């Protein structure tokens, strides 16, 4: 909504329709649009730091460091805790009732939230093999940043409940987004004095004409 700002020091924020969620300090805040800014309509206290947020319909999923995924119902304009899944989630994406969570050194987890009051951990792969910190999806493929190995893992979702590692891209990615047939990776850039910047440069672009075999098409270098 143009002209509406968040007057909060939120470290994570997501929106779905007219519902806005911010993770500010040790709490979640549900905000609603007013005349010229967002106002807090509901608060949910936490006992850990939020690493990721995801909307799946009326459900809000919050990945809390060391505690798992907390599931809230936002349909009544409130934050009602309805369930919890014991998996680390530094980043999440959803596909139908399945949530894919990149859990750092704990690997990639698949959680079924068909019944949000009793979420089911379907499977976990790549546990202990790296540091999975970002995730995005395009069709039947997942792309997961492995910060430890400076690469992007390509995951086959032909069977959505049994993902498999099908390839890797040597790319020191920090943030990922798949959209409109392309994969965008924001990573590191080395300067002539061999120092590095983590400001999101360069932005590298891969074609997803074949989602399981991304092809590098170009990059944007920003030294600002």
C-alpha atoms as a PDB file:
ATOM      1  CA  UNK A   1       0.000   0.000   0.000  1.00  0.00           C
ATOM      2  CA  UNK A   2       1.771   3.194  -1.169  1.00  0.00           C
ATOM      3  CA  UNK A   3       2.708   5.671   1.529  1.00  0.00           C
ATOM      4  CA  UNK A   4       2.340   3.214   4.396  1.00  0.00           C
ATOM      5  CA  UNK A   5       5.509   2.701   6.440  1.00  0.00           C
ATOM      6  CA  UNK A   6       6.534   0.549   9.366  1.00  0.00           C
ATOM      7  CA  UNK A   7       7.487   2.653  12.371  1.00  0.00           C
ATOM      8  CA  UNK A   8       9.284  -0.319  13.954  1.00  0.00           C
ATOM      9  CA  UNK A   9      12.826  -1.694  14.189  1.00  0.00           C
ATOM     10  CA  UNK A  10      11.840  -5.055  12.694  1.00  0.00           C
ATOM     11  CA  UNK A  11      14.611  -7.431  11.711  1.00  0.00           C
ATOM     12  CA  UNK A  12      12.283  -9.597   9.599  1.00  0.00           C
ATOM     13  CA  UNK A  13       9.066  -8.644   7.846  1.00  0.00           C
ATOM     14  CA  UNK A  14       6.491 -10.360   5.619  1.00  0.00           C
ATOM     15  CA  UNK A  15       3.118  -9.399   4.217  1.00  0.00           C
ATOM     16  CA  UNK A  16       0.066 -11.189   2.856  1.00  0.00           C
ATOM     17  CA  UNK A  17      -2.801  -9.133   1.495  1.00  0.00           C
ATOM     18  CA  UNK A  18      -3.407  -6.486   4.205  1.00  0.00           C
ATOM     19  CA  UNK A  19      -1.667  -8.409   6.987  1.00  0.00           C
ATOM     20  CA  UNK A  20       1.864  -7.331   7.891  1.00  0.00           C
ATOM     21  CA  UNK A  21       4.157  -9.163  10.298  1.00  0.00           C
ATOM     22  CA  UNK A  22       7.400  -7.818  11.760  1.00  0.00           C
ATOM     23  CA  UNK A  23       9.834  -9.570  14.067  1.00  0.00           C
ATOM     24  CA  UNK A  24      10.999  -6.814  16.409  1.00  0.00           C
ATOM     25  CA  UNK A  25      13.382  -7.850  19.152  1.00  0.00           C
ATOM     26  CA  UNK A  26      11.976 -10.833  21.033  1.00  0.00           C
ATOM     27  CA  UNK A  27       8.425 -10.595  19.717  1.00  0.00           C
ATOM     28  CA  UNK A  28       6.240 -10.830  16.643  1.00  0.00           C
ATOM     29  CA  UNK A  29       3.994  -7.918  15.767  1.00  0.00           C
ATOM     30  CA  UNK A  30       0.931  -8.017  13.521  1.00  0.00           C
ATOM     31  CA  UNK A  31       0.408  -4.635  11.909  1.00  0.00           C
ATOM     32  CA  UNK A  32      -2.553  -3.200  10.028  1.00  0.00           C
ATOM     33  CA  UNK A  33      -2.572  -0.231   7.637  1.00  0.00           C
ATOM     34  CA  UNK A  34      -3.829   3.091   8.937  1.00  0.00           C
ATOM     35  CA  UNK A  35      -4.140   6.488   7.300  1.00  0.00           C
ATOM     36  CA  UNK A  36      -0.412   7.100   6.953  1.00  0.00           C
ATOM     37  CA  UNK A  37       1.378   4.249   8.739  1.00  0.00           C
ATOM     38  CA  UNK A  38       1.036   0.723  10.068  1.00  0.00           C
ATOM     39  CA  UNK A  39      -0.173   0.248  13.629  1.00  0.00           C
ATOM     40  CA  UNK A  40       0.369  -2.750  15.914  1.00  0.00           C
ATOM     41  CA  UNK A  41      -2.798  -4.837  16.293  1.00  0.00           C
ATOM     42  CA  UNK A  42      -1.397  -7.916  18.035  1.00  0.00           C
ATOM     43  CA  UNK A  43       1.833  -9.033  19.697  1.00  0.00           C
ATOM     44  CA  UNK A  44       3.259 -12.509  20.335  1.00  0.00           C
ATOM     45  CA  UNK A  45       6.233 -12.673  22.745  1.00  0.00           C
ATOM     46  CA  UNK A  46       9.125 -15.008  21.905  1.00  0.00           C
ATOM     47  CA  UNK A  47      12.018 -16.539  23.826  1.00  0.00           C
ATOM     48  CA  UNK A  48      14.427 -16.580  20.891  1.00  0.00           C
ATOM     49  CA  UNK A  49      15.562 -14.699  17.815  1.00  0.00           C
ATOM     50  CA  UNK A  50      13.488 -14.983  14.643  1.00  0.00           C
ATOM     51  CA  UNK A  51      15.581 -16.234  11.728  1.00  0.00           C
ATOM     52  CA  UNK A  52      12.819 -16.481   9.127  1.00  0.00           C
ATOM     53  CA  UNK A  53       9.144 -15.706   8.484  1.00  0.00           C
ATOM     54  CA  UNK A  54       6.752 -17.239   5.975  1.00  0.00           C
ATOM     55  CA  UNK A  55       3.058 -16.820   5.165  1.00  0.00           C
ATOM     56  CA  UNK A  56       1.206 -19.934   3.962  1.00  0.00           C
ATOM     57  CA  UNK A  57      -2.409 -18.867   3.493  1.00  0.00           C
ATOM     58  CA  UNK A  58      -3.633 -17.629   6.886  1.00  0.00           C
ATOM     59  CA  UNK A  59      -0.785 -19.380   8.653  1.00  0.00           C
ATOM     60  CA  UNK A  60       2.330 -17.522   9.738  1.00  0.00           C
ATOM     61  CA  UNK A  61       5.421 -19.643  10.272  1.00  0.00           C
ATOM     62  CA  UNK A  62       8.268 -18.194  12.334  1.00  0.00           C
ATOM     63  CA  UNK A  63      11.629 -19.928  12.464  1.00  0.00           C
ATOM     64  CA  UNK A  64      13.079 -19.232  15.922  1.00  0.00           C
ATOM     65  CA  UNK A  65      16.773 -19.967  16.477  1.00  0.00           C
ATOM     66  CA  UNK A  66      17.354 -23.155  18.439  1.00  0.00           C
ATOM     67  CA  UNK A  67      13.631 -23.720  19.051  1.00  0.00           C
ATOM     68  CA  UNK A  68      12.005 -24.646  15.756  1.00  0.00           C
ATOM     69  CA  UNK A  69       9.128 -23.383  13.632  1.00  0.00           C
ATOM     70  CA  UNK A  70       6.235 -21.722  15.482  1.00  0.00           C
ATOM     71  CA  UNK A  71       2.907 -21.737  13.613  1.00  0.00           C
ATOM     72  CA  UNK A  72       0.350 -18.959  14.146  1.00  0.00           C
ATOM     73  CA  UNK A  73      -3.191 -18.522  12.851  1.00  0.00           C
ATOM     74  CA  UNK A  74      -3.711 -14.933  11.654  1.00  0.00           C
ATOM     75  CA  UNK A  75      -7.223 -15.347  10.233  1.00  0.00           C
ATOM     76  CA  UNK A  76      -8.900 -13.437  13.097  1.00  0.00           C
ATOM     77  CA  UNK A  77      -6.483 -10.521  12.916  1.00  0.00           C
ATOM     78  CA  UNK A  78      -4.487 -11.915  15.819  1.00  0.00           C
ATOM     79  CA  UNK A  79      -1.429 -14.094  16.411  1.00  0.00           C
ATOM     80  CA  UNK A  80      -2.752 -17.376  17.820  1.00  0.00           C
ATOM     81  CA  UNK A  81      -0.087 -20.026  18.348  1.00  0.00           C
ATOM     82  CA  UNK A  82      -1.472 -23.330  17.073  1.00  0.00           C
ATOM     83  CA  UNK A  83       1.544 -25.587  16.577  1.00  0.00           C
ATOM     84  CA  UNK A  84       5.283 -26.077  16.521  1.00  0.00           C
ATOM     85  CA  UNK A  85       7.705 -28.163  14.459  1.00  0.00           C
ATOM     86  CA  UNK A  86      11.103 -29.126  15.952  1.00  0.00           C
ATOM     87  CA  UNK A  87      13.259 -28.116  12.978  1.00  0.00           C
ATOM     88  CA  UNK A  88      15.730 -25.299  12.458  1.00  0.00           C
ATOM     89  CA  UNK A  89      14.586 -22.787   9.833  1.00  0.00           C
ATOM     90  CA  UNK A  90      16.999 -20.071   8.739  1.00  0.00           C
ATOM     91  CA  UNK A  91      14.870 -19.706   5.596  1.00  0.00           C
ATOM     92  CA  UNK A  92      11.617 -21.283   4.360  1.00  0.00           C
ATOM     93  CA  UNK A  93       9.474 -21.725   1.261  1.00  0.00           C
ATOM     94  CA  UNK A  94       6.078 -23.408   0.922  1.00  0.00           C
ATOM     95  CA  UNK A  95       4.503 -25.575  -1.744  1.00  0.00           C
ATOM     96  CA  UNK A  96       0.920 -26.446  -0.925  1.00  0.00           C
ATOM     97  CA  UNK A  97       0.865 -27.980   2.549  1.00  0.00           C
ATOM     98  CA  UNK A  98       4.605 -28.705   2.517  1.00  0.00           C
ATOM     99  CA  UNK A  99       7.174 -26.332   3.971  1.00  0.00           C
ATOM    100  CA  UNK A 100      10.842 -26.627   3.055  1.00  0.00           C
ATOM    101  CA  UNK A 101      13.197 -25.273   5.721  1.00  0.00           C
ATOM    102  CA  UNK A 102      16.891 -24.515   5.247  1.00  0.00           C
ATOM    103  CA  UNK A 103      18.266 -25.267   8.685  1.00  0.00           C
ATOM    104  CA  UNK A 104      21.936 -24.319   8.700  1.00  0.00           C
ATOM    105  CA  UNK A 105      23.994 -27.351   9.708  1.00  0.00           C
ATOM    106  CA  UNK A 106      20.876 -29.434  10.389  1.00  0.00           C
ATOM    107  CA  UNK A 107      20.117 -29.696   6.661  1.00  0.00           C
ATOM    108  CA  UNK A 108      16.961 -29.307   4.603  1.00  0.00           C
ATOM    109  CA  UNK A 109      13.739 -30.337   6.339  1.00  0.00           C
ATOM    110  CA  UNK A 110      10.326 -31.047   4.827  1.00  0.00           C
ATOM    111  CA  UNK A 111       7.393 -30.291   7.128  1.00  0.00           C
ATOM    112  CA  UNK A 112       3.752 -31.154   6.383  1.00  0.00           C
ATOM    113  CA  UNK A 113       1.453 -28.492   7.861  1.00  0.00           C
ATOM    114  CA  UNK A 114      -1.831 -29.978   6.596  1.00  0.00           C
ATOM    115  CA  UNK A 115      -2.800 -30.043  10.269  1.00  0.00           C
ATOM    116  CA  UNK A 116      -1.030 -26.985  11.710  1.00  0.00           C
ATOM    117  CA  UNK A 117      -1.787 -28.140  15.245  1.00  0.00           C
ATOM    118  CA  UNK A 118       0.280 -31.280  14.628  1.00  0.00           C
ATOM    119  CA  UNK A 119       2.867 -30.569  11.919  1.00  0.00           C
ATOM    120  CA  UNK A 120       4.782 -33.607  10.692  1.00  0.00           C
ATOM    121  CA  UNK A 121       8.480 -33.647   9.838  1.00  0.00           C
ATOM    122  CA  UNK A 122       8.390 -35.755   6.667  1.00  0.00           C
ATOM    123  CA  UNK A 123      12.115 -36.045   5.994  1.00  0.00           C
ATOM    124  CA  UNK A 124      15.459 -34.294   6.324  1.00  0.00           C
ATOM    125  CA  UNK A 125      18.417 -34.350   3.914  1.00  0.00           C
ATOM    126  CA  UNK A 126      21.931 -32.852   3.815  1.00  0.00           C
ATOM    127  CA  UNK A 127      22.159 -32.886   7.600  1.00  0.00           C
ATOM    128  CA  UNK A 128      25.659 -32.061   8.812  1.00  0.00           C
ATOM    129  CA  UNK A 129      26.942 -31.519   5.270  1.00  0.00           C
ATOM    130  CA  UNK A 130      27.064 -27.713   5.137  1.00  0.00           C
ATOM    131  CA  UNK A 131      25.402 -24.511   6.315  1.00  0.00           C
ATOM    132  CA  UNK A 132      22.073 -23.990   4.537  1.00  0.00           C
ATOM    133  CA  UNK A 133      20.966 -20.373   4.938  1.00  0.00           C
ATOM    134  CA  UNK A 134      18.709 -19.337   2.027  1.00  0.00           C
ATOM    135  CA  UNK A 135      16.129 -21.080  -0.140  1.00  0.00           C
ATOM    136  CA  UNK A 136      13.855 -20.463  -3.110  1.00  0.00           C
ATOM    137  CA  UNK A 137      11.709 -22.612  -5.412  1.00  0.00           C
ATOM    138  CA  UNK A 138      10.825 -22.774  -9.095  1.00  0.00           C
ATOM    139  CA  UNK A 139       8.435 -25.512 -10.187  1.00  0.00           C
ATOM    140  CA  UNK A 140       9.871 -28.912  -9.300  1.00  0.00           C
ATOM    141  CA  UNK A 141      13.222 -27.548  -8.117  1.00  0.00           C
ATOM    142  CA  UNK A 142      14.581 -25.987  -4.958  1.00  0.00           C
ATOM    143  CA  UNK A 143      17.705 -23.848  -4.781  1.00  0.00           C
ATOM    144  CA  UNK A 144      19.479 -23.704  -1.413  1.00  0.00           C
ATOM    145  CA  UNK A 145      22.479 -21.610  -0.403  1.00  0.00           C
ATOM    146  CA  UNK A 146      25.244 -23.598   1.299  1.00  0.00           C
ATOM    147  CA  UNK A 147      27.363 -20.853   2.878  1.00  0.00           C
ATOM    148  CA  UNK A 148      29.962 -23.336   4.165  1.00  0.00           C
ATOM    149  CA  UNK A 149      30.705 -24.701   0.689  1.00  0.00           C
ATOM    150  CA  UNK A 150      30.162 -21.396  -1.190  1.00  0.00           C
ATOM    151  CA  UNK A 151      27.662 -23.048  -3.493  1.00  0.00           C
ATOM    152  CA  UNK A 152      23.996 -23.359  -4.403  1.00  0.00           C
ATOM    153  CA  UNK A 153      22.472 -26.818  -4.065  1.00  0.00           C
ATOM    154  CA  UNK A 154      19.913 -27.795  -6.717  1.00  0.00           C
ATOM    155  CA  UNK A 155      17.205 -30.031  -5.240  1.00  0.00           C
ATOM    156  CA  UNK A 156      14.836 -32.195  -7.295  1.00  0.00           C
ATOM    157  CA  UNK A 157      11.202 -32.037  -6.103  1.00  0.00           C
ATOM    158  CA  UNK A 158       9.725 -34.525  -8.562  1.00  0.00           C
ATOM    159  CA  UNK A 159       8.590 -36.312  -5.409  1.00  0.00           C
ATOM    160  CA  UNK A 160       7.839 -33.295  -3.175  1.00  0.00           C
ATOM    161  CA  UNK A 161       7.974 -35.412  -0.015  1.00  0.00           C
ATOM    162  CA  UNK A 162      11.352 -36.953  -0.888  1.00  0.00           C
ATOM    163  CA  UNK A 163      13.659 -34.222  -2.259  1.00  0.00           C
ATOM    164  CA  UNK A 164      17.024 -35.256  -3.678  1.00  0.00           C
ATOM    165  CA  UNK A 165      20.226 -33.355  -4.378  1.00  0.00           C
ATOM    166  CA  UNK A 166      20.640 -33.328  -8.148  1.00  0.00           C
ATOM    167  CA  UNK A 167      23.443 -30.807  -8.698  1.00  0.00           C
ATOM    168  CA  UNK A 168      25.388 -27.824  -7.392  1.00  0.00           C
ATOM    169  CA  UNK A 169      26.447 -24.385  -8.619  1.00  0.00           C
ATOM    170  CA  UNK A 170      29.787 -22.989  -7.455  1.00  0.00           C
ATOM    171  CA  UNK A 171      28.434 -19.654  -6.280  1.00  0.00           C
ATOM    172  CA  UNK A 172      29.071 -17.845  -2.933  1.00  0.00           C
ATOM    173  CA  UNK A 173      25.435 -16.841  -2.586  1.00  0.00           C
ATOM    174  CA  UNK A 174      23.913 -14.990   0.356  1.00  0.00           C
ATOM    175  CA  UNK A 175      20.375 -14.403  -0.930  1.00  0.00           C
ATOM    176  CA  UNK A 176      18.350 -16.236  -3.584  1.00  0.00           C
ATOM    177  CA  UNK A 177      15.156 -15.605  -5.503  1.00  0.00           C
ATOM    178  CA  UNK A 178      13.622 -17.532  -8.391  1.00  0.00           C
ATOM    179  CA  UNK A 179      11.169 -15.550 -10.542  1.00  0.00           C
ATOM    180  CA  UNK A 180       9.963 -15.419 -14.139  1.00  0.00           C
ATOM    181  CA  UNK A 181      12.174 -18.268 -15.314  1.00  0.00           C
ATOM    182  CA  UNK A 182      15.377 -16.964 -13.733  1.00  0.00           C
ATOM    183  CA  UNK A 183      17.383 -17.547 -10.569  1.00  0.00           C
ATOM    184  CA  UNK A 184      18.879 -14.429  -8.986  1.00  0.00           C
ATOM    185  CA  UNK A 185      21.803 -14.845  -6.591  1.00  0.00           C
ATOM    186  CA  UNK A 186      23.234 -12.044  -4.471  1.00  0.00           C
ATOM    187  CA  UNK A 187      26.748 -12.858  -3.292  1.00  0.00           C
ATOM    188  CA  UNK A 188      30.303 -11.666  -2.754  1.00  0.00           C
ATOM    189  CA  UNK A 189      32.651  -9.653  -4.922  1.00  0.00           C
ATOM    190  CA  UNK A 190      36.436  -9.367  -4.647  1.00  0.00           C
ATOM    191  CA  UNK A 191      38.041  -5.941  -5.022  1.00  0.00           C
ATOM    192  CA  UNK A 192      41.504  -5.340  -6.549  1.00  0.00           C
ATOM    193  CA  UNK A 193      43.075  -5.239  -3.067  1.00  0.00           C
ATOM    194  CA  UNK A 194      41.599  -8.738  -2.507  1.00  0.00           C
ATOM    195  CA  UNK A 195      39.222  -7.544   0.185  1.00  0.00           C
ATOM    196  CA  UNK A 196      35.627  -8.686  -0.183  1.00  0.00           C
ATOM    197  CA  UNK A 197      32.254  -7.056   0.198  1.00  0.00           C
ATOM    198  CA  UNK A 198      29.137  -8.777   1.529  1.00  0.00           C
ATOM    199  CA  UNK A 199      26.831  -5.986   0.366  1.00  0.00           C
ATOM    200  CA  UNK A 200      25.047  -8.195  -2.143  1.00  0.00           C
ATOM    201  CA  UNK A 201      27.385  -7.801  -5.133  1.00  0.00           C
ATOM    202  CA  UNK A 202      27.510  -9.125  -7.686  1.00  0.00           C
ATOM    203  CA  UNK A 203      23.966  -9.999  -8.610  1.00  0.00           C
ATOM    204  CA  UNK A 204      24.298 -13.090 -10.802  1.00  0.00           C
ATOM    205  CA  UNK A 205      21.497 -14.389 -13.018  1.00  0.00           C
ATOM    206  CA  UNK A 206      20.823 -17.957 -14.151  1.00  0.00           C
ATOM    207  CA  UNK A 207      18.294 -19.142 -16.727  1.00  0.00           C
ATOM    208  CA  UNK A 208      15.841 -21.772 -15.476  1.00  0.00           C
ATOM    209  CA  UNK A 209      14.700 -23.005 -18.892  1.00  0.00           C
ATOM    210  CA  UNK A 210      15.597 -26.379 -17.391  1.00  0.00           C
ATOM    211  CA  UNK A 211      14.986 -25.819 -13.653  1.00  0.00           C
ATOM    212  CA  UNK A 212      17.248 -28.701 -12.629  1.00  0.00           C
ATOM    213  CA  UNK A 213      20.145 -27.368 -14.711  1.00  0.00           C
ATOM    214  CA  UNK A 214      20.443 -23.568 -14.235  1.00  0.00           C
ATOM    215  CA  UNK A 215      22.587 -21.783 -16.832  1.00  0.00           C
ATOM    216  CA  UNK A 216      24.543 -18.607 -16.030  1.00  0.00           C
ATOM    217  CA  UNK A 217      23.376 -15.723 -18.234  1.00  0.00           C
ATOM    218  CA  UNK A 218      24.903 -12.566 -16.748  1.00  0.00           C
ATOM    219  CA  UNK A 219      25.727 -10.447 -13.729  1.00  0.00           C
ATOM    220  CA  UNK A 220      25.410  -6.947 -12.412  1.00  0.00           C
ATOM    221  CA  UNK A 221      28.432  -5.481 -10.622  1.00  0.00           C
ATOM    222  CA  UNK A 222      27.754  -2.737  -8.119  1.00  0.00           C
ATOM    223  CA  UNK A 223      30.770  -1.161  -6.409  1.00  0.00           C
ATOM    224  CA  UNK A 224      28.692   1.443  -4.542  1.00  0.00           C
END
